[in-house]
Amino acid sequence: RLAAGPATMAELRDLWGTTRKYALPFAAYLDAVGLTVRDGD
């Protein structure tokens, strides 16, 4: 998904088919392992 360009948390949450409660830790994990970087929103 991100190869096509940046995504918001809402877009990633929908991609993952989960709620914000789980999407936030997923995103933080992907940042921590070096796959993604947070850039504002």
Full PDB file with SEQRES, HELIX, SHEET, SSBOND, CRYST1, ORIGX, SCALE, CONECT and MASTER records, all heavy atoms in Angstrom:
SEQRES   1 A   41  ARG LEU ALA ALA GLY PRO ALA THR MET ALA GLU LEU ARG          
SEQRES   2 A   41  ASP LEU TRP GLY THR THR ARG LYS TYR ALA LEU PRO PHE          
SEQRES   3 A   41  ALA ALA TYR LEU ASP ALA VAL GLY LEU THR VAL ARG ASP          
SEQRES   4 A   41  GLY ASP                                                      
HELIX    1 AA1 LEU A    2  ALA A    4  5                                   3    
HELIX    2 AA2 MET A    9  TRP A   16  1                                   8    
HELIX    3 AA3 ARG A   20  ALA A   32  1                                  13    
CRYST1    1.000    1.000    1.000  90.00  90.00  90.00 P 1           1          
ORIGX1      1.000000  0.000000  0.000000        0.00000                         
ORIGX2      0.000000  1.000000  0.000000        0.00000                         
ORIGX3      0.000000  0.000000  1.000000        0.00000                         
SCALE1      1.000000  0.000000  0.000000        0.00000                         
SCALE2      0.000000  1.000000  0.000000        0.00000                         
SCALE3      0.000000  0.000000  1.000000        0.00000                         
ATOM      1  N   ARG A   1       0.830  -1.216   0.000  1.00  0.00           N  
ATOM      2  CA  ARG A   1       0.000   0.000   0.000  1.00  0.00           C  
ATOM      3  C   ARG A   1       0.855   1.252   0.000  1.00  0.00           C  
ATOM      4  O   ARG A   1       0.598   2.203  -0.754  1.00  0.00           O  
ATOM      5  CB  ARG A   1      -0.949  -0.020   1.212  1.00  0.00           C  
ATOM      6  CG  ARG A   1      -1.656   1.293   1.514  1.00  0.00           C  
ATOM      7  CD  ARG A   1      -2.458   1.816   0.333  1.00  0.00           C  
ATOM      8  NE  ARG A   1      -2.989   3.131   0.587  1.00  0.00           N  
ATOM      9  CZ  ARG A   1      -2.351   4.275   0.364  1.00  0.00           C  
ATOM     10  NH1 ARG A   1      -1.117   4.281  -0.099  1.00  0.00           N  
ATOM     11  NH2 ARG A   1      -2.939   5.429   0.608  1.00  0.00           N  
ATOM     12  N   LEU A   2       1.888   1.271   0.845  1.00  0.00           N  
ATOM     13  CA  LEU A   2       2.700   2.481   0.961  1.00  0.00           C  
ATOM     14  C   LEU A   2       3.651   2.670  -0.215  1.00  0.00           C  
ATOM     15  O   LEU A   2       4.171   3.768  -0.409  1.00  0.00           O  
ATOM     16  CB  LEU A   2       3.453   2.491   2.287  1.00  0.00           C  
ATOM     17  CG  LEU A   2       2.564   2.564   3.533  1.00  0.00           C  
ATOM     18  CD1 LEU A   2       3.409   2.626   4.789  1.00  0.00           C  
ATOM     19  CD2 LEU A   2       1.606   3.745   3.466  1.00  0.00           C  
ATOM     20  N   ALA A   3       3.864   1.637  -1.007  1.00  0.00           N  
ATOM     21  CA  ALA A   3       4.659   1.793  -2.226  1.00  0.00           C  
ATOM     22  C   ALA A   3       3.956   2.745  -3.194  1.00  0.00           C  
ATOM     23  O   ALA A   3       4.601   3.400  -4.011  1.00  0.00           O  
ATOM     24  CB  ALA A   3       4.900   0.436  -2.880  1.00  0.00           C  
ATOM     25  N   ALA A   4       2.631   2.838  -3.063  1.00  0.00           N  
ATOM     26  CA  ALA A   4       1.853   3.744  -3.910  1.00  0.00           C  
ATOM     27  C   ALA A   4       1.822   5.170  -3.367  1.00  0.00           C  
ATOM     28  O   ALA A   4       1.360   6.078  -4.036  1.00  0.00           O  
ATOM     29  CB  ALA A   4       0.420   3.224  -4.051  1.00  0.00           C  
ATOM     30  N   GLY A   5       2.303   5.369  -2.136  1.00  0.00           N  
ATOM     31  CA  GLY A   5       2.318   6.694  -1.533  1.00  0.00           C  
ATOM     32  C   GLY A   5       1.890   6.645  -0.085  1.00  0.00           C  
ATOM     33  O   GLY A   5       1.412   5.614   0.393  1.00  0.00           O  
ATOM     34  N   PRO A   6       2.066   7.752   0.633  1.00  0.00           N  
ATOM     35  CA  PRO A   6       1.730   7.802   2.055  1.00  0.00           C  
ATOM     36  C   PRO A   6       0.258   7.515   2.320  1.00  0.00           C  
ATOM     37  O   PRO A   6      -0.587   7.699   1.443  1.00  0.00           O  
ATOM     38  CB  PRO A   6       2.082   9.236   2.461  1.00  0.00           C  
ATOM     39  CG  PRO A   6       2.981   9.741   1.396  1.00  0.00           C  
ATOM     40  CD  PRO A   6       2.601   9.015   0.144  1.00  0.00           C  
ATOM     41  N   ALA A   7      -0.035   7.056   3.540  1.00  0.00           N  
ATOM     42  CA  ALA A   7      -1.410   6.745   3.929  1.00  0.00           C  
ATOM     43  C   ALA A   7      -1.681   7.297   5.319  1.00  0.00           C  
ATOM     44  O   ALA A   7      -0.785   7.373   6.159  1.00  0.00           O  
ATOM     45  CB  ALA A   7      -1.642   5.243   3.915  1.00  0.00           C  
ATOM     46  N   THR A   8      -2.928   7.664   5.548  1.00  0.00           N  
ATOM     47  CA  THR A   8      -3.353   8.097   6.881  1.00  0.00           C  
ATOM     48  C   THR A   8      -3.601   6.868   7.756  1.00  0.00           C  
ATOM     49  O   THR A   8      -3.721   5.743   7.257  1.00  0.00           O  
ATOM     50  CB  THR A   8      -4.661   8.908   6.804  1.00  0.00           C  
ATOM     51  OG1 THR A   8      -5.700   8.045   6.320  1.00  0.00           O  
ATOM     52  CG2 THR A   8      -4.523  10.130   5.916  1.00  0.00           C  
ATOM     53  N   MET A   9      -3.727   7.097   9.056  1.00  0.00           N  
ATOM     54  CA  MET A   9      -4.059   5.997   9.959  1.00  0.00           C  
ATOM     55  C   MET A   9      -5.406   5.395   9.597  1.00  0.00           C  
ATOM     56  O   MET A   9      -5.575   4.175   9.657  1.00  0.00           O  
ATOM     57  CB  MET A   9      -4.081   6.464  11.421  1.00  0.00           C  
ATOM     58  CG  MET A   9      -2.759   6.444  12.123  1.00  0.00           C  
ATOM     59  SD  MET A   9      -1.887   4.867  12.111  1.00  0.00           S  
ATOM     60  CE  MET A   9      -3.121   3.730  12.689  1.00  0.00           C  
ATOM     61  N   ALA A  10      -6.361   6.213   9.206  1.00  0.00           N  
ATOM     62  CA  ALA A  10      -7.674   5.695   8.833  1.00  0.00           C  
ATOM     63  C   ALA A  10      -7.567   4.766   7.624  1.00  0.00           C  
ATOM     64  O   ALA A  10      -8.213   3.711   7.581  1.00  0.00           O  
ATOM     65  CB  ALA A  10      -8.637   6.842   8.543  1.00  0.00           C  
ATOM     66  N   GLU A  11      -6.746   5.139   6.663  1.00  0.00           N  
ATOM     67  CA  GLU A  11      -6.551   4.286   5.488  1.00  0.00           C  
ATOM     68  C   GLU A  11      -5.880   2.969   5.871  1.00  0.00           C  
ATOM     69  O   GLU A  11      -6.284   1.896   5.393  1.00  0.00           O  
ATOM     70  CB  GLU A  11      -5.729   5.013   4.430  1.00  0.00           C  
ATOM     71  CG  GLU A  11      -6.456   6.180   3.802  1.00  0.00           C  
ATOM     72  CD  GLU A  11      -5.571   7.063   2.952  1.00  0.00           C  
ATOM     73  OE1 GLU A  11      -4.361   7.211   3.255  1.00  0.00           O  
ATOM     74  OE2 GLU A  11      -6.096   7.631   1.985  1.00  0.00           O  
ATOM     75  N   LEU A  12      -4.876   3.040   6.736  1.00  0.00           N  
ATOM     76  CA  LEU A  12      -4.202   1.818   7.170  1.00  0.00           C  
ATOM     77  C   LEU A  12      -5.135   0.950   8.010  1.00  0.00           C  
ATOM     78  O   LEU A  12      -5.166  -0.277   7.845  1.00  0.00           O  
ATOM     79  CB  LEU A  12      -2.928   2.153   7.941  1.00  0.00           C  
ATOM     80  CG  LEU A  12      -1.812   2.782   7.112  1.00  0.00           C  
ATOM     81  CD1 LEU A  12      -0.656   3.204   7.997  1.00  0.00           C  
ATOM     82  CD2 LEU A  12      -1.346   1.837   6.017  1.00  0.00           C  
ATOM     83  N   ARG A  13      -5.889   1.566   8.879  1.00  0.00           N  
ATOM     84  CA  ARG A  13      -6.857   0.828   9.701  1.00  0.00           C  
ATOM     85  C   ARG A  13      -7.818   0.048   8.804  1.00  0.00           C  
ATOM     86  O   ARG A  13      -8.086  -1.133   9.037  1.00  0.00           O  
ATOM     87  CB  ARG A  13      -7.632   1.805  10.576  1.00  0.00           C  
ATOM     88  CG  ARG A  13      -8.676   1.135  11.463  1.00  0.00           C  
ATOM     89  CD  ARG A  13      -9.715   2.128  11.942  1.00  0.00           C  
ATOM     90  NE  ARG A  13     -10.471   2.632  10.797  1.00  0.00           N  
ATOM     91  CZ  ARG A  13     -10.863   3.883  10.642  1.00  0.00           C  
ATOM     92  NH1 ARG A  13     -10.616   4.793  11.553  1.00  0.00           N  
ATOM     93  NH2 ARG A  13     -11.544   4.265   9.580  1.00  0.00           N  
ATOM     94  N   ASP A  14      -8.317   0.696   7.764  1.00  0.00           N  
ATOM     95  CA  ASP A  14      -9.226   0.035   6.830  1.00  0.00           C  
ATOM     96  C   ASP A  14      -8.512  -1.072   6.057  1.00  0.00           C  
ATOM     97  O   ASP A  14      -9.068  -2.151   5.850  1.00  0.00           O  
ATOM     98  CB  ASP A  14      -9.842   1.038   5.868  1.00  0.00           C  
ATOM     99  CG  ASP A  14     -10.786   2.014   6.558  1.00  0.00           C  
ATOM    100  OD1 ASP A  14     -11.195   1.764   7.714  1.00  0.00           O  
ATOM    101  OD2 ASP A  14     -11.117   3.042   5.933  1.00  0.00           O  
ATOM    102  N   LEU A  15      -7.284  -0.818   5.640  1.00  0.00           N  
ATOM    103  CA  LEU A  15      -6.487  -1.824   4.937  1.00  0.00           C  
ATOM    104  C   LEU A  15      -6.314  -3.072   5.794  1.00  0.00           C  
ATOM    105  O   LEU A  15      -6.426  -4.193   5.308  1.00  0.00           O  
ATOM    106  CB  LEU A  15      -5.115  -1.242   4.577  1.00  0.00           C  
ATOM    107  CG  LEU A  15      -4.084  -2.217   4.014  1.00  0.00           C  
ATOM    108  CD1 LEU A  15      -4.469  -2.603   2.582  1.00  0.00           C  
ATOM    109  CD2 LEU A  15      -2.694  -1.604   4.052  1.00  0.00           C  
ATOM    110  N   TRP A  16      -6.041  -2.856   7.079  1.00  0.00           N  
ATOM    111  CA  TRP A  16      -5.812  -3.977   7.996  1.00  0.00           C  
ATOM    112  C   TRP A  16      -7.109  -4.609   8.482  1.00  0.00           C  
ATOM    113  O   TRP A  16      -7.091  -5.678   9.094  1.00  0.00           O  
ATOM    114  CB  TRP A  16      -4.982  -3.516   9.189  1.00  0.00           C  
ATOM    115  CG  TRP A  16      -3.629  -3.012   8.814  1.00  0.00           C  
ATOM    116  CD1 TRP A  16      -2.843  -3.412   7.779  1.00  0.00           C  
ATOM    117  CD2 TRP A  16      -2.883  -1.997   9.488  1.00  0.00           C  
ATOM    118  NE1 TRP A  16      -1.663  -2.710   7.762  1.00  0.00           N  
ATOM    119  CE2 TRP A  16      -1.661  -1.832   8.805  1.00  0.00           C  
ATOM    120  CE3 TRP A  16      -3.136  -1.207  10.607  1.00  0.00           C  
ATOM    121  CZ2 TRP A  16      -0.690  -0.930   9.206  1.00  0.00           C  
ATOM    122  CZ3 TRP A  16      -2.164  -0.295  10.996  1.00  0.00           C  
ATOM    123  CH2 TRP A  16      -0.955  -0.156  10.313  1.00  0.00           C  
ATOM    124  N   GLY A  17      -8.242  -3.942   8.252  1.00  0.00           N  
ATOM    125  CA  GLY A  17      -9.527  -4.477   8.671  1.00  0.00           C  
ATOM    126  C   GLY A  17      -9.671  -4.572  10.175  1.00  0.00           C  
ATOM    127  O   GLY A  17     -10.178  -5.565  10.698  1.00  0.00           O  
ATOM    128  N   THR A  18      -9.222  -3.530  10.869  1.00  0.00           N  
ATOM    129  CA  THR A  18      -9.253  -3.542  12.331  1.00  0.00           C  
ATOM    130  C   THR A  18      -9.784  -2.224  12.863  1.00  0.00           C  
ATOM    131  O   THR A  18     -10.240  -1.380  12.102  1.00  0.00           O  
ATOM    132  CB  THR A  18      -7.843  -3.858  12.890  1.00  0.00           C  
ATOM    133  OG1 THR A  18      -7.935  -4.130  14.278  1.00  0.00           O  
ATOM    134  CG2 THR A  18      -6.864  -2.737  12.625  1.00  0.00           C  
ATOM    135  N   THR A  19      -9.733  -2.064  14.157  1.00  0.00           N  
ATOM    136  CA  THR A  19     -10.161  -0.825  14.800  1.00  0.00           C  
ATOM    137  C   THR A  19      -8.935   0.017  15.145  1.00  0.00           C  
ATOM    138  O   THR A  19      -7.810  -0.470  15.134  1.00  0.00           O  
ATOM    139  CB  THR A  19     -10.941  -1.116  16.087  1.00  0.00           C  
ATOM    140  OG1 THR A  19     -10.055  -1.765  17.012  1.00  0.00           O  
ATOM    141  CG2 THR A  19     -12.151  -1.995  15.815  1.00  0.00           C  
ATOM    142  N   ARG A  20      -9.190   1.258  15.499  1.00  0.00           N  
ATOM    143  CA  ARG A  20      -8.101   2.160  15.892  1.00  0.00           C  
ATOM    144  C   ARG A  20      -7.332   1.611  17.098  1.00  0.00           C  
ATOM    145  O   ARG A  20      -6.126   1.787  17.203  1.00  0.00           O  
ATOM    146  CB  ARG A  20      -8.671   3.545  16.192  1.00  0.00           C  
ATOM    147  CG  ARG A  20      -7.636   4.601  16.442  1.00  0.00           C  
ATOM    148  CD  ARG A  20      -8.292   5.991  16.467  1.00  0.00           C  
ATOM    149  NE  ARG A  20      -7.322   7.008  16.762  1.00  0.00           N  
ATOM    150  CZ  ARG A  20      -6.500   7.552  15.875  1.00  0.00           C  
ATOM    151  NH1 ARG A  20      -6.533   7.169  14.622  1.00  0.00           N  
ATOM    152  NH2 ARG A  20      -5.647   8.494  16.227  1.00  0.00           N  
ATOM    153  N   LYS A  21      -8.046   0.914  17.991  1.00  0.00           N  
ATOM    154  CA  LYS A  21      -7.414   0.338  19.183  1.00  0.00           C  
ATOM    155  C   LYS A  21      -6.230  -0.561  18.803  1.00  0.00           C  
ATOM    156  O   LYS A  21      -5.214  -0.567  19.495  1.00  0.00           O  
ATOM    157  CB  LYS A  21      -8.451  -0.470  19.970  1.00  0.00           C  
ATOM    158  CG  LYS A  21      -7.876  -1.207  21.153  1.00  0.00           C  
ATOM    159  CD  LYS A  21      -8.937  -2.015  21.868  1.00  0.00           C  
ATOM    160  CE  LYS A  21      -8.331  -2.820  23.000  1.00  0.00           C  
ATOM    161  NZ  LYS A  21      -9.361  -3.598  23.710  1.00  0.00           N  
ATOM    162  N   TYR A  22      -6.360  -1.308  17.724  1.00  0.00           N  
ATOM    163  CA  TYR A  22      -5.295  -2.202  17.285  1.00  0.00           C  
ATOM    164  C   TYR A  22      -4.418  -1.569  16.208  1.00  0.00           C  
ATOM    165  O   TYR A  22      -3.230  -1.884  16.112  1.00  0.00           O  
ATOM    166  CB  TYR A  22      -5.883  -3.523  16.792  1.00  0.00           C  
ATOM    167  CG  TYR A  22      -6.581  -4.259  17.902  1.00  0.00           C  
ATOM    168  CD1 TYR A  22      -7.959  -4.291  17.973  1.00  0.00           C  
ATOM    169  CD2 TYR A  22      -5.859  -4.878  18.911  1.00  0.00           C  
ATOM    170  CE1 TYR A  22      -8.612  -4.944  19.011  1.00  0.00           C  
ATOM    171  CE2 TYR A  22      -6.492  -5.529  19.954  1.00  0.00           C  
ATOM    172  CZ  TYR A  22      -7.869  -5.562  19.994  1.00  0.00           C  
ATOM    173  OH  TYR A  22      -8.499  -6.193  21.031  1.00  0.00           O  
ATOM    174  N   ALA A  23      -4.985  -0.696  15.405  1.00  0.00           N  
ATOM    175  CA  ALA A  23      -4.220  -0.079  14.323  1.00  0.00           C  
ATOM    176  C   ALA A  23      -3.061   0.762  14.855  1.00  0.00           C  
ATOM    177  O   ALA A  23      -1.975   0.754  14.273  1.00  0.00           O  
ATOM    178  CB  ALA A  23      -5.128   0.770  13.441  1.00  0.00           C  
ATOM    179  N   LEU A  24      -3.280   1.481  15.949  1.00  0.00           N  
ATOM    180  CA  LEU A  24      -2.202   2.318  16.495  1.00  0.00           C  
ATOM    181  C   LEU A  24      -0.997   1.487  16.933  1.00  0.00           C  
ATOM    182  O   LEU A  24       0.140   1.820  16.563  1.00  0.00           O  
ATOM    183  CB  LEU A  24      -2.726   3.192  17.627  1.00  0.00           C  
ATOM    184  CG  LEU A  24      -3.685   4.305  17.186  1.00  0.00           C  
ATOM    185  CD1 LEU A  24      -4.270   5.017  18.397  1.00  0.00           C  
ATOM    186  CD2 LEU A  24      -2.980   5.291  16.278  1.00  0.00           C  
ATOM    187  N   PRO A  25      -1.180   0.401  17.691  1.00  0.00           N  
ATOM    188  CA  PRO A  25      -0.011  -0.423  18.024  1.00  0.00           C  
ATOM    189  C   PRO A  25       0.632  -1.071  16.796  1.00  0.00           C  
ATOM    190  O   PRO A  25       1.857  -1.205  16.734  1.00  0.00           O  
ATOM    191  CB  PRO A  25      -0.554  -1.488  18.975  1.00  0.00           C  
ATOM    192  CG  PRO A  25      -1.843  -0.986  19.469  1.00  0.00           C  
ATOM    193  CD  PRO A  25      -2.355  -0.030  18.429  1.00  0.00           C  
ATOM    194  N   PHE A  26      -0.189  -1.467  15.806  1.00  0.00           N  
ATOM    195  CA  PHE A  26       0.382  -2.037  14.582  1.00  0.00           C  
ATOM    196  C   PHE A  26       1.290  -1.012  13.905  1.00  0.00           C  
ATOM    197  O   PHE A  26       2.403  -1.336  13.494  1.00  0.00           O  
ATOM    198  CB  PHE A  26      -0.717  -2.449  13.596  1.00  0.00           C  
ATOM    199  CG  PHE A  26      -1.537  -3.644  13.991  1.00  0.00           C  
ATOM    200  CD1 PHE A  26      -2.669  -3.968  13.273  1.00  0.00           C  
ATOM    201  CD2 PHE A  26      -1.199  -4.448  15.070  1.00  0.00           C  
ATOM    202  CE1 PHE A  26      -3.442  -5.071  13.607  1.00  0.00           C  
ATOM    203  CE2 PHE A  26      -1.966  -5.555  15.414  1.00  0.00           C  
ATOM    204  CZ  PHE A  26      -3.092  -5.863  14.675  1.00  0.00           C  
ATOM    205  N   ALA A  27       0.814   0.224  13.789  1.00  0.00           N  
ATOM    206  CA  ALA A  27       1.598   1.272  13.138  1.00  0.00           C  
ATOM    207  C   ALA A  27       2.873   1.575  13.930  1.00  0.00           C  
ATOM    208  O   ALA A  27       3.948   1.725  13.339  1.00  0.00           O  
ATOM    209  CB  ALA A  27       0.762   2.536  12.973  1.00  0.00           C  
ATOM    210  N   ALA A  28       2.765   1.654  15.245  1.00  0.00           N  
ATOM    211  CA  ALA A  28       3.952   1.909  16.071  1.00  0.00           C  
ATOM    212  C   ALA A  28       4.955   0.772  15.922  1.00  0.00           C  
ATOM    213  O   ALA A  28       6.175   1.009  15.873  1.00  0.00           O  
ATOM    214  CB  ALA A  28       3.538   2.085  17.529  1.00  0.00           C  
ATOM    215  N   TYR A  29       4.468  -0.453  15.847  1.00  0.00           N  
ATOM    216  CA  TYR A  29       5.348  -1.613  15.663  1.00  0.00           C  
ATOM    217  C   TYR A  29       6.079  -1.518  14.324  1.00  0.00           C  
ATOM    218  O   TYR A  29       7.300  -1.719  14.261  1.00  0.00           O  
ATOM    219  CB  TYR A  29       4.528  -2.905  15.731  1.00  0.00           C  
ATOM    220  CG  TYR A  29       5.310  -4.123  15.339  1.00  0.00           C  
ATOM    221  CD1 TYR A  29       6.213  -4.708  16.226  1.00  0.00           C  
ATOM    222  CD2 TYR A  29       5.168  -4.698  14.084  1.00  0.00           C  
ATOM    223  CE1 TYR A  29       6.946  -5.824  15.857  1.00  0.00           C  
ATOM    224  CE2 TYR A  29       5.891  -5.813  13.716  1.00  0.00           C  
ATOM    225  CZ  TYR A  29       6.790  -6.376  14.611  1.00  0.00           C  
ATOM    226  OH  TYR A  29       7.517  -7.479  14.239  1.00  0.00           O  
ATOM    227  N   LEU A  30       5.356  -1.197  13.265  1.00  0.00           N  
ATOM    228  CA  LEU A  30       5.987  -1.101  11.943  1.00  0.00           C  
ATOM    229  C   LEU A  30       6.998   0.037  11.893  1.00  0.00           C  
ATOM    230  O   LEU A  30       8.023  -0.071  11.208  1.00  0.00           O  
ATOM    231  CB  LEU A  30       4.919  -0.951  10.862  1.00  0.00           C  
ATOM    232  CG  LEU A  30       4.024  -2.181  10.680  1.00  0.00           C  
ATOM    233  CD1 LEU A  30       2.894  -1.872   9.702  1.00  0.00           C  
ATOM    234  CD2 LEU A  30       4.817  -3.385  10.218  1.00  0.00           C  
ATOM    235  N   ASP A  31       6.750   1.113  12.633  1.00  0.00           N  
ATOM    236  CA  ASP A  31       7.745   2.182  12.762  1.00  0.00           C  
ATOM    237  C   ASP A  31       8.984   1.644  13.479  1.00  0.00           C  
ATOM    238  O   ASP A  31      10.118   1.889  13.066  1.00  0.00           O  
ATOM    239  CB  ASP A  31       7.194   3.365  13.559  1.00  0.00           C  
ATOM    240  CG  ASP A  31       6.117   4.156  12.819  1.00  0.00           C  
ATOM    241  OD1 ASP A  31       5.946   3.972  11.604  1.00  0.00           O  
ATOM    242  OD2 ASP A  31       5.450   4.962  13.497  1.00  0.00           O  
ATOM    243  N   ALA A  32       8.770   0.914  14.579  1.00  0.00           N  
ATOM    244  CA  ALA A  32       9.877   0.416  15.405  1.00  0.00           C  
ATOM    245  C   ALA A  32      10.755  -0.576  14.654  1.00  0.00           C  
ATOM    246  O   ALA A  32      11.971  -0.602  14.864  1.00  0.00           O  
ATOM    247  CB  ALA A  32       9.334  -0.217  16.683  1.00  0.00           C  
ATOM    248  N   VAL A  33      10.160  -1.394  13.787  1.00  0.00           N  
ATOM    249  CA  VAL A  33      10.957  -2.376  13.048  1.00  0.00           C  
ATOM    250  C   VAL A  33      11.556  -1.792  11.772  1.00  0.00           C  
ATOM    251  O   VAL A  33      12.277  -2.474  11.053  1.00  0.00           O  
ATOM    252  CB  VAL A  33      10.172  -3.672  12.741  1.00  0.00           C  
ATOM    253  CG1 VAL A  33       9.754  -4.365  14.024  1.00  0.00           C  
ATOM    254  CG2 VAL A  33       8.989  -3.419  11.833  1.00  0.00           C  
ATOM    255  N   GLY A  34      11.258  -0.517  11.497  1.00  0.00           N  
ATOM    256  CA  GLY A  34      11.885   0.175  10.380  1.00  0.00           C  
ATOM    257  C   GLY A  34      11.212   0.023   9.033  1.00  0.00           C  
ATOM    258  O   GLY A  34      11.790   0.378   8.018  1.00  0.00           O  
ATOM    259  N   LEU A  35       9.981  -0.477   9.003  1.00  0.00           N  
ATOM    260  CA  LEU A  35       9.272  -0.572   7.726  1.00  0.00           C  
ATOM    261  C   LEU A  35       8.651   0.763   7.353  1.00  0.00           C  
ATOM    262  O   LEU A  35       8.666   1.154   6.181  1.00  0.00           O  
ATOM    263  CB  LEU A  35       8.173  -1.647   7.780  1.00  0.00           C  
ATOM    264  CG  LEU A  35       7.378  -1.807   6.488  1.00  0.00           C  
ATOM    265  CD1 LEU A  35       8.260  -2.400   5.389  1.00  0.00           C  
ATOM    266  CD2 LEU A  35       6.146  -2.659   6.697  1.00  0.00           C  
ATOM    267  N   THR A  36       8.100   1.469   8.353  1.00  0.00           N  
ATOM    268  CA  THR A  36       7.403   2.722   8.099  1.00  0.00           C  
ATOM    269  C   THR A  36       7.988   3.855   8.922  1.00  0.00           C  
ATOM    270  O   THR A  36       8.722   3.637   9.887  1.00  0.00           O  
ATOM    271  CB  THR A  36       5.902   2.590   8.434  1.00  0.00           C  
ATOM    272  OG1 THR A  36       5.760   2.257   9.812  1.00  0.00           O  
ATOM    273  CG2 THR A  36       5.230   1.541   7.580  1.00  0.00           C  
ATOM    274  N   VAL A  37       7.619   5.053   8.521  1.00  0.00           N  
ATOM    275  CA  VAL A  37       8.006   6.274   9.228  1.00  0.00           C  
ATOM    276  C   VAL A  37       6.769   7.156   9.322  1.00  0.00           C  
ATOM    277  O   VAL A  37       6.035   7.308   8.337  1.00  0.00           O  
ATOM    278  CB  VAL A  37       9.110   7.034   8.457  1.00  0.00           C  
ATOM    279  CG1 VAL A  37       9.421   8.370   9.112  1.00  0.00           C  
ATOM    280  CG2 VAL A  37      10.358   6.191   8.337  1.00  0.00           C  
ATOM    281  N   ARG A  38       6.549   7.709  10.499  1.00  0.00           N  
ATOM    282  CA  ARG A  38       5.443   8.658  10.657  1.00  0.00           C  
ATOM    283  C   ARG A  38       5.887  10.012  10.147  1.00  0.00           C  
ATOM    284  O   ARG A  38       6.973  10.499  10.474  1.00  0.00           O  
ATOM    285  CB  ARG A  38       5.043   8.757  12.124  1.00  0.00           C  
ATOM    286  CG  ARG A  38       3.848   9.651  12.315  1.00  0.00           C  
ATOM    287  CD  ARG A  38       3.378   9.651  13.733  1.00  0.00           C  
ATOM    288  NE  ARG A  38       2.257  10.564  13.870  1.00  0.00           N  
ATOM    289  CZ  ARG A  38       1.718  10.901  15.002  1.00  0.00           C  
ATOM    290  NH1 ARG A  38       2.180  10.398  16.122  1.00  0.00           N  
ATOM    291  NH2 ARG A  38       0.714  11.740  15.036  1.00  0.00           N  
ATOM    292  N   ASP A  39       5.031  10.619   9.342  1.00  0.00           N  
ATOM    293  CA  ASP A  39       5.311  11.921   8.747  1.00  0.00           C  
ATOM    294  C   ASP A  39       4.060  12.771   8.931  1.00  0.00           C  
ATOM    295  O   ASP A  39       3.187  12.803   8.067  1.00  0.00           O  
ATOM    296  CB  ASP A  39       5.659  11.741   7.275  1.00  0.00           C  
ATOM    297  CG  ASP A  39       6.121  13.023   6.608  1.00  0.00           C  
ATOM    298  OD1 ASP A  39       6.346  14.033   7.319  1.00  0.00           O  
ATOM    299  OD2 ASP A  39       6.251  13.030   5.378  1.00  0.00           O  
ATOM    300  N   GLY A  40       3.944  13.414  10.094  1.00  0.00           N  
ATOM    301  CA  GLY A  40       2.746  14.177  10.412  1.00  0.00           C  
ATOM    302  C   GLY A  40       1.564  13.244  10.581  1.00  0.00           C  
ATOM    303  O   GLY A  40       1.599  12.323  11.379  1.00  0.00           O  
ATOM    304  N   ASP A  41       0.524  13.439   9.782  1.00  0.00           N  
ATOM    305  CA  ASP A  41      -0.675  12.604   9.835  1.00  0.00           C  
ATOM    306  C   ASP A  41      -0.576  11.376   8.933  1.00  0.00           C  
ATOM    307  O   ASP A  41      -1.549  10.636   8.786  1.00  0.00           O  
ATOM    308  CB  ASP A  41      -1.906  13.419   9.427  1.00  0.00           C  
ATOM    309  CG  ASP A  41      -2.272  14.456  10.468  1.00  0.00           C  
ATOM    310  OD1 ASP A  41      -1.875  14.296  11.642  1.00  0.00           O  
ATOM    311  OD2 ASP A  41      -2.947  15.438  10.109  1.00  0.00           O  
TER     312      ASP A  41                                                      
MASTER        0    0    0    3    0    0    0    6  311    1    0    4          
END                                                                             
